[in-house]
């Protein structure tokens, strides 16, 4: 994400973190923190707290997210941009591309 386009505003810090299920690697929330020139840069702990707060709100609306298993992984904003369907490799603690399902099978068509 490129946030340097606002007239007169310059990004001085951009951090990202992923809230994920520590057992499955499924991503519950991706959180960006952007600080513009003149703004106060939040601490790592403040970013984590806000990310977890939002993930819990989203989880209340979506089934299948176990709040007791949520964990946070800090990543570069560029890493988030590079993956279409993100998940976390829980062993390596790294953001990866979730495997896509195989190609759709053609329906069985019999000639008349």
C-alpha atoms as a PDB file:
ATOM      1  CA  UNK A   1       0.000   0.000   0.000  1.00  0.00           C
ATOM      2  CA  UNK A   2       1.320   3.375  -0.939  1.00  0.00           C
ATOM      3  CA  UNK A   3       0.112   6.184   1.310  1.00  0.00           C
ATOM      4  CA  UNK A   4       2.469   8.954   0.198  1.00  0.00           C
ATOM      5  CA  UNK A   5      -0.017  10.500  -2.221  1.00  0.00           C
ATOM      6  CA  UNK A   6      -1.752  12.980   0.116  1.00  0.00           C
ATOM      7  CA  UNK A   7      -0.775  16.584  -0.634  1.00  0.00           C
ATOM      8  CA  UNK A   8       1.397  17.960   2.140  1.00  0.00           C
ATOM      9  CA  UNK A   9       1.361  14.718   4.137  1.00  0.00           C
ATOM     10  CA  UNK A  10       4.390  12.479   4.259  1.00  0.00           C
ATOM     11  CA  UNK A  11       4.363   8.993   5.740  1.00  0.00           C
ATOM     12  CA  UNK A  12       7.068   8.675   8.395  1.00  0.00           C
ATOM     13  CA  UNK A  13       6.188   5.160   9.562  1.00  0.00           C
ATOM     14  CA  UNK A  14       4.182   2.225   8.250  1.00  0.00           C
ATOM     15  CA  UNK A  15       3.890  -0.982  10.275  1.00  0.00           C
ATOM     16  CA  UNK A  16       1.791  -4.071   9.685  1.00  0.00           C
ATOM     17  CA  UNK A  17       0.866  -7.097  11.727  1.00  0.00           C
ATOM     18  CA  UNK A  18      -1.229 -10.186  11.177  1.00  0.00           C
ATOM     19  CA  UNK A  19      -3.566 -11.658  13.788  1.00  0.00           C
ATOM     20  CA  UNK A  20      -3.796 -15.389  13.163  1.00  0.00           C
ATOM     21  CA  UNK A  21      -4.860 -18.723  14.637  1.00  0.00           C
ATOM     22  CA  UNK A  22      -1.661 -20.168  16.111  1.00  0.00           C
ATOM     23  CA  UNK A  23      -2.811 -23.740  15.405  1.00  0.00           C
ATOM     24  CA  UNK A  24      -4.008 -23.436  11.808  1.00  0.00           C
ATOM     25  CA  UNK A  25      -2.259 -20.302  10.522  1.00  0.00           C
ATOM     26  CA  UNK A  26      -5.582 -18.892   9.310  1.00  0.00           C
ATOM     27  CA  UNK A  27      -5.570 -15.102   9.294  1.00  0.00           C
ATOM     28  CA  UNK A  28      -8.241 -13.361  11.351  1.00  0.00           C
ATOM     29  CA  UNK A  29      -7.118  -9.762  10.678  1.00  0.00           C
ATOM     30  CA  UNK A  30      -4.370  -7.801   8.941  1.00  0.00           C
ATOM     31  CA  UNK A  31      -3.624  -4.498  10.626  1.00  0.00           C
ATOM     32  CA  UNK A  32      -1.762  -1.498   9.222  1.00  0.00           C
ATOM     33  CA  UNK A  33      -0.537   1.426  11.309  1.00  0.00           C
ATOM     34  CA  UNK A  34       0.429   4.516   9.335  1.00  0.00           C
ATOM     35  CA  UNK A  35       1.949   7.632  10.885  1.00  0.00           C
ATOM     36  CA  UNK A  36       2.082  10.845   8.927  1.00  0.00           C
ATOM     37  CA  UNK A  37       4.579  13.617   9.490  1.00  0.00           C
ATOM     38  CA  UNK A  38       3.575  15.521  12.616  1.00  0.00           C
ATOM     39  CA  UNK A  39       1.753  12.513  14.072  1.00  0.00           C
ATOM     40  CA  UNK A  40       2.793  10.441  17.061  1.00  0.00           C
ATOM     41  CA  UNK A  41       4.138   7.000  16.221  1.00  0.00           C
ATOM     42  CA  UNK A  42       2.375   4.294  18.287  1.00  0.00           C
ATOM     43  CA  UNK A  43       4.387   1.733  20.207  1.00  0.00           C
ATOM     44  CA  UNK A  44       4.578  -1.861  19.044  1.00  0.00           C
ATOM     45  CA  UNK A  45       2.408  -2.810  22.025  1.00  0.00           C
ATOM     46  CA  UNK A  46      -0.250  -0.229  21.102  1.00  0.00           C
ATOM     47  CA  UNK A  47      -0.371  -1.547  17.530  1.00  0.00           C
ATOM     48  CA  UNK A  48      -0.740  -5.124  18.801  1.00  0.00           C
ATOM     49  CA  UNK A  49      -3.502  -4.131  21.235  1.00  0.00           C
ATOM     50  CA  UNK A  50      -5.493  -2.344  18.509  1.00  0.00           C
ATOM     51  CA  UNK A  51      -5.006  -5.223  16.056  1.00  0.00           C
ATOM     52  CA  UNK A  52      -6.237  -7.742  18.625  1.00  0.00           C
ATOM     53  CA  UNK A  53      -9.190  -5.521  19.563  1.00  0.00           C
ATOM     54  CA  UNK A  54     -10.310  -5.318  15.933  1.00  0.00           C
ATOM     55  CA  UNK A  55      -9.725  -9.043  15.348  1.00  0.00           C
ATOM     56  CA  UNK A  56     -11.977  -9.851  18.297  1.00  0.00           C
ATOM     57  CA  UNK A  57     -14.705  -7.567  16.913  1.00  0.00           C
ATOM     58  CA  UNK A  58     -14.488  -9.240  13.511  1.00  0.00           C
ATOM     59  CA  UNK A  59     -14.471 -12.700  15.098  1.00  0.00           C
ATOM     60  CA  UNK A  60     -17.799 -11.985  16.768  1.00  0.00           C
ATOM     61  CA  UNK A  61     -19.289 -11.613  13.266  1.00  0.00           C
ATOM     62  CA  UNK A  62     -17.563 -14.609  11.663  1.00  0.00           C
ATOM     63  CA  UNK A  63     -17.802 -18.205  12.843  1.00  0.00           C
ATOM     64  CA  UNK A  64     -14.715 -20.380  13.047  1.00  0.00           C
ATOM     65  CA  UNK A  65     -12.284 -17.999  14.725  1.00  0.00           C
ATOM     66  CA  UNK A  66     -11.126 -19.294  18.105  1.00  0.00           C
ATOM     67  CA  UNK A  67     -10.269 -16.229  20.190  1.00  0.00           C
ATOM     68  CA  UNK A  68      -8.158 -18.277  22.608  1.00  0.00           C
ATOM     69  CA  UNK A  69      -5.742 -19.251  19.819  1.00  0.00           C
ATOM     70  CA  UNK A  70      -5.079 -15.812  18.328  1.00  0.00           C
ATOM     71  CA  UNK A  71      -1.483 -14.658  18.039  1.00  0.00           C
ATOM     72  CA  UNK A  72       0.249 -11.713  16.360  1.00  0.00           C
ATOM     73  CA  UNK A  73       3.010 -11.672  13.766  1.00  0.00           C
ATOM     74  CA  UNK A  74       4.684  -8.409  12.736  1.00  0.00           C
ATOM     75  CA  UNK A  75       5.430  -8.262   9.015  1.00  0.00           C
ATOM     76  CA  UNK A  76       6.594  -5.636   6.577  1.00  0.00           C
ATOM     77  CA  UNK A  77       3.776  -3.853   4.736  1.00  0.00           C
ATOM     78  CA  UNK A  78       5.307  -5.127   1.489  1.00  0.00           C
ATOM     79  CA  UNK A  79       4.863  -8.736   2.630  1.00  0.00           C
ATOM     80  CA  UNK A  80       1.128  -8.161   3.016  1.00  0.00           C
ATOM     81  CA  UNK A  81       0.894  -6.695  -0.490  1.00  0.00           C
ATOM     82  CA  UNK A  82       2.635  -9.703  -2.042  1.00  0.00           C
ATOM     83  CA  UNK A  83       0.104 -12.349  -0.989  1.00  0.00           C
ATOM     84  CA  UNK A  84      -3.427 -12.653  -2.345  1.00  0.00           C
ATOM     85  CA  UNK A  85      -4.752 -15.200   0.159  1.00  0.00           C
ATOM     86  CA  UNK A  86      -2.524 -14.935   3.228  1.00  0.00           C
ATOM     87  CA  UNK A  87      -1.933 -17.458   5.947  1.00  0.00           C
ATOM     88  CA  UNK A  88       0.824 -17.881   8.507  1.00  0.00           C
ATOM     89  CA  UNK A  89       3.252 -20.778   8.411  1.00  0.00           C
ATOM     90  CA  UNK A  90       3.054 -21.446  12.151  1.00  0.00           C
ATOM     91  CA  UNK A  91       6.306 -23.436  12.236  1.00  0.00           C
ATOM     92  CA  UNK A  92       8.365 -20.744  10.488  1.00  0.00           C
ATOM     93  CA  UNK A  93       6.245 -17.829  11.840  1.00  0.00           C
ATOM     94  CA  UNK A  94       6.141 -16.358   8.362  1.00  0.00           C
ATOM     95  CA  UNK A  95       3.373 -14.933   6.175  1.00  0.00           C
ATOM     96  CA  UNK A  96       2.814 -17.164   3.131  1.00  0.00           C
ATOM     97  CA  UNK A  97       0.431 -17.552   0.223  1.00  0.00           C
ATOM     98  CA  UNK A  98      -2.379 -19.956   1.086  1.00  0.00           C
ATOM     99  CA  UNK A  99      -2.511 -22.752  -1.480  1.00  0.00           C
ATOM    100  CA  UNK A 100      -5.278 -22.263  -3.983  1.00  0.00           C
ATOM    101  CA  UNK A 101      -7.740 -25.087  -4.579  1.00  0.00           C
ATOM    102  CA  UNK A 102      -7.091 -27.228  -7.637  1.00  0.00           C
ATOM    103  CA  UNK A 103      -8.568 -26.300 -10.996  1.00  0.00           C
ATOM    104  CA  UNK A 104     -12.292 -26.682 -11.307  1.00  0.00           C
ATOM    105  CA  UNK A 105     -13.215 -29.919 -12.931  1.00  0.00           C
ATOM    106  CA  UNK A 106     -15.107 -29.793 -16.186  1.00  0.00           C
ATOM    107  CA  UNK A 107     -18.602 -31.249 -15.915  1.00  0.00           C
ATOM    108  CA  UNK A 108     -18.956 -34.655 -17.477  1.00  0.00           C
ATOM    109  CA  UNK A 109     -20.504 -33.975 -20.879  1.00  0.00           C
ATOM    110  CA  UNK A 110     -21.723 -36.833 -22.939  1.00  0.00           C
ATOM    111  CA  UNK A 111     -22.320 -36.419 -26.658  1.00  0.00           C
ATOM    112  CA  UNK A 112     -25.989 -36.821 -27.682  1.00  0.00           C
END
